[in-house]
């Protein structure tokens, strides 16, 4: 009788730990989804601001049609991306195109003085900062989740039910280079 009670206690303890670890993995997986949704919301906010920015800039930058077209194409790529990986890549291209647009805008003093342009630039800068923080949060969630499914005993419980996730990575090596400032 004592053996049966001990056996039941051990089985209950194993079941408890199994449930606790599996639920922990599910929670971490859900946090990754939530962090991605935060990024997605900020990407949508940025995409909503871009048409207003392009329209404001068009009248001033008549000779910069290629720059405006690059921004428009990059925005369309973000909007058309389906998978997180595709959105990550398209978002990087859009960030690069916007950076080029703002650099070119420096050559147009009337545009820089335009309050609508200044407000849109400020809103986009704020949104880019939010995207950056959301990416860091997403990468932290992905790291925690991947650690949970790849370390013992989580790897036994996760089995093939949970797949590792990919975080945001910098694709463009030129972003890692320090700018060359000359006086």
Protein backbone atom coordinates (compact mmCIF):
# COMPACT_ATOMS: atom_id res chain seq x y z
CA UNK A 1 0.00 0.00 0.00
CA UNK A 2 2.83 2.40 0.86
CA UNK A 3 4.50 1.55 -2.45
CA UNK A 4 1.35 2.48 -4.37
CA UNK A 5 1.09 5.82 -2.53
CA UNK A 6 4.75 6.59 -3.25
CA UNK A 7 4.28 5.61 -6.89
CA UNK A 8 1.20 7.85 -7.19
CA UNK A 9 3.06 10.72 -5.49
CA UNK A 10 6.00 10.39 -7.92
CA UNK A 11 3.60 10.20 -10.90
CA UNK A 12 1.73 13.29 -9.66
CA UNK A 13 5.02 15.17 -9.19
CA UNK A 14 6.18 14.21 -12.70
CA UNK A 15 2.84 15.27 -14.17
CA UNK A 16 3.02 18.57 -12.27
CA UNK A 17 6.53 19.34 -13.57
CA UNK A 18 5.60 18.30 -17.10
CA UNK A 19 2.58 20.63 -17.07
CA UNK A 20 4.58 23.45 -15.47
CA UNK A 21 7.39 23.25 -18.04
CA UNK A 22 5.03 22.85 -21.03
CA UNK A 23 2.91 25.79 -19.88
CA UNK A 24 6.08 27.85 -19.47
CA UNK A 25 7.05 27.09 -23.07
CA UNK A 26 3.56 28.00 -24.30
CA UNK A 27 3.70 31.28 -22.36
CA UNK A 28 7.08 32.13 -23.89
CA UNK A 29 5.76 31.26 -27.36
CA UNK A 30 2.77 33.54 -26.79
CA UNK A 31 5.08 36.34 -25.61
CA UNK A 32 6.96 36.04 -28.91
CA UNK A 33 3.68 36.36 -30.80
CA UNK A 34 2.73 39.38 -28.70
CA UNK A 35 6.12 41.03 -29.26
CA UNK A 36 5.78 40.44 -33.00
CA UNK A 37 2.31 42.02 -32.98
CA UNK A 38 3.81 45.11 -31.33
CA UNK A 39 6.37 45.34 -34.14
CA UNK A 40 3.66 44.79 -36.72
CA UNK A 41 1.55 47.61 -35.26
CA UNK A 42 4.50 50.01 -35.40
CA UNK A 43 5.32 48.94 -38.96
CA UNK A 44 1.71 49.68 -39.90
CA UNK A 45 1.92 53.09 -38.22
CA UNK A 46 5.06 53.85 -40.21
CA UNK A 47 3.39 52.67 -43.44
CA UNK A 48 0.43 54.95 -42.72
CA UNK A 49 2.71 57.98 -42.26
CA UNK A 50 4.74 57.45 -45.43
CA UNK A 51 2.12 58.48 -48.05
CA UNK A 52 1.68 61.83 -46.26
CA UNK A 53 5.44 62.30 -46.16
CA UNK A 54 5.84 61.45 -49.85
CA UNK A 55 3.05 63.86 -50.82
CA UNK A 56 4.60 66.65 -48.75
CA UNK A 57 8.02 66.07 -50.27
CA UNK A 58 6.87 65.75 -53.90
CA UNK A 59 6.38 69.45 -54.44
CA UNK A 60 9.85 70.32 -53.18
CA UNK A 61 11.93 67.46 -54.53
CA UNK A 62 10.99 67.41 -58.19
CA UNK A 63 14.44 66.15 -59.16
CA UNK A 64 14.44 63.29 -56.67
CA UNK A 65 11.82 61.03 -58.25
CA UNK A 66 14.05 57.96 -57.80
CA UNK A 67 14.29 58.57 -54.06
CA UNK A 68 10.53 58.93 -53.72
CA UNK A 69 9.97 55.85 -55.85
CA UNK A 70 12.37 53.83 -53.68
CA UNK A 71 10.43 54.82 -50.55
CA UNK A 72 7.11 53.98 -52.20
CA UNK A 73 8.40 50.60 -53.44
CA UNK A 74 9.86 49.74 -50.04
CA UNK A 75 6.58 50.66 -48.33
CA UNK A 76 4.69 48.40 -50.76
CA UNK A 77 7.13 45.56 -50.02
CA UNK A 78 6.44 45.88 -46.28
CA UNK A 79 2.69 45.98 -46.85
CA UNK A 80 2.87 42.93 -49.12
CA UNK A 81 5.12 40.82 -46.89
CA UNK A 82 3.32 37.89 -45.32
CA UNK A 83 5.82 36.13 -43.08
CA UNK A 84 7.70 37.74 -40.19
CA UNK A 85 10.97 37.03 -41.99
CA UNK A 86 9.78 38.80 -45.15
CA UNK A 87 8.52 41.74 -43.09
CA UNK A 88 11.87 41.94 -41.31
CA UNK A 89 13.72 42.13 -44.62
CA UNK A 90 11.30 44.59 -46.22
CA UNK A 91 11.33 46.75 -43.09
CA UNK A 92 15.11 47.01 -43.28
CA UNK A 93 14.88 48.16 -46.89
CA UNK A 94 12.25 50.75 -45.97
CA UNK A 95 14.37 52.07 -43.12
CA UNK A 96 17.27 52.47 -45.54
CA UNK A 97 15.07 54.24 -48.14
CA UNK A 98 13.70 56.62 -45.50
CA UNK A 99 17.21 57.40 -44.30
CA UNK A 100 18.18 58.29 -47.86
CA UNK A 101 15.05 60.44 -48.24
CA UNK A 102 15.86 62.42 -45.10
CA UNK A 103 19.47 62.83 -46.21
CA UNK A 104 18.37 64.18 -49.59
CA UNK A 105 15.84 66.49 -47.86
CA UNK A 106 18.76 68.29 -46.21
CA UNK A 107 19.49 69.88 -49.60
CA UNK A 108 16.06 71.56 -49.66
CA UNK A 109 15.88 74.36 -47.06
CA UNK A 110 12.27 75.21 -47.90
CA UNK A 111 11.27 71.60 -47.32
CA UNK A 112 13.13 71.43 -44.01
CA UNK A 113 11.29 74.59 -42.91
CA UNK A 114 7.89 73.16 -43.82
CA UNK A 115 6.01 72.44 -40.56
CA UNK A 116 4.10 69.52 -42.04
CA UNK A 117 7.34 67.89 -43.17
CA UNK A 118 8.97 68.56 -39.80
CA UNK A 119 6.01 66.98 -37.97
CA UNK A 120 5.97 63.95 -40.26
CA UNK A 121 9.74 63.55 -39.88
CA UNK A 122 9.36 63.75 -36.11
CA UNK A 123 6.50 61.21 -36.14
CA UNK A 124 8.54 58.84 -38.30
CA UNK A 125 11.59 59.22 -36.07
CA UNK A 126 9.43 58.46 -33.04
CA UNK A 127 7.96 55.44 -34.81
CA UNK A 128 11.43 54.20 -35.85
CA UNK A 129 12.49 54.40 -32.20
CA UNK A 130 9.43 52.43 -31.15
CA UNK A 131 10.17 49.83 -33.83
CA UNK A 132 13.74 49.58 -32.58
CA UNK A 133 12.61 49.00 -28.99
CA UNK A 134 9.95 46.53 -30.13
CA UNK A 135 12.60 44.60 -32.09
CA UNK A 136 14.80 44.40 -29.00
CA UNK A 137 11.84 43.15 -26.97
CA UNK A 138 11.00 40.61 -29.68
CA UNK A 139 14.60 39.37 -29.78
CA UNK A 140 14.57 38.99 -25.98
CA UNK A 141 11.35 36.97 -26.17
CA UNK A 142 12.77 34.80 -28.96
CA UNK A 143 15.95 34.18 -26.96
CA UNK A 144 13.97 33.19 -23.86
CA UNK A 145 11.67 30.93 -25.90
CA UNK A 146 14.52 29.27 -27.82
CA UNK A 147 16.41 28.67 -24.57
CA UNK A 148 13.29 27.08 -23.06
CA UNK A 149 12.82 24.61 -25.92
CA UNK A 150 16.50 23.82 -26.42
CA UNK A 151 17.65 23.23 -22.85
CA UNK A 152 16.95 20.29 -20.58
CA UNK A 153 14.23 19.37 -19.59
CA UNK A 154 12.32 21.72 -21.87
CA UNK A 155 13.79 20.08 -24.97
CA UNK A 156 12.26 16.74 -23.91
CA UNK A 157 8.85 18.27 -23.37
CA UNK A 158 8.94 20.57 -26.41
CA UNK A 159 9.93 17.70 -28.67
CA UNK A 160 8.94 18.48 -32.24
CA UNK A 161 5.84 20.46 -31.21
CA UNK A 162 7.76 23.73 -30.81
CA UNK A 163 10.16 25.03 -33.44
CA UNK A 164 12.95 27.56 -32.82
CA UNK A 165 12.15 31.12 -33.83
CA UNK A 166 14.27 33.64 -35.70
CA UNK A 167 14.83 37.07 -34.22
CA UNK A 168 15.62 40.29 -36.05
CA UNK A 169 19.11 40.46 -37.50
CA UNK A 170 20.85 43.29 -39.34
CA UNK A 171 21.10 42.17 -42.96
CA UNK A 172 22.85 45.24 -44.35
CA UNK A 173 26.49 45.26 -43.25
CA UNK A 174 26.80 48.98 -44.06
CA UNK A 175 24.52 49.74 -41.09
CA UNK A 176 27.21 48.34 -38.78
CA UNK A 177 29.85 50.75 -40.09
CA UNK A 178 30.47 53.95 -38.16
CA UNK A 179 29.75 57.04 -40.26
CA UNK A 180 32.72 58.97 -41.58
CA UNK A 181 32.47 62.51 -40.17
CA UNK A 182 34.80 65.15 -41.60
CA UNK A 183 35.13 68.85 -40.79
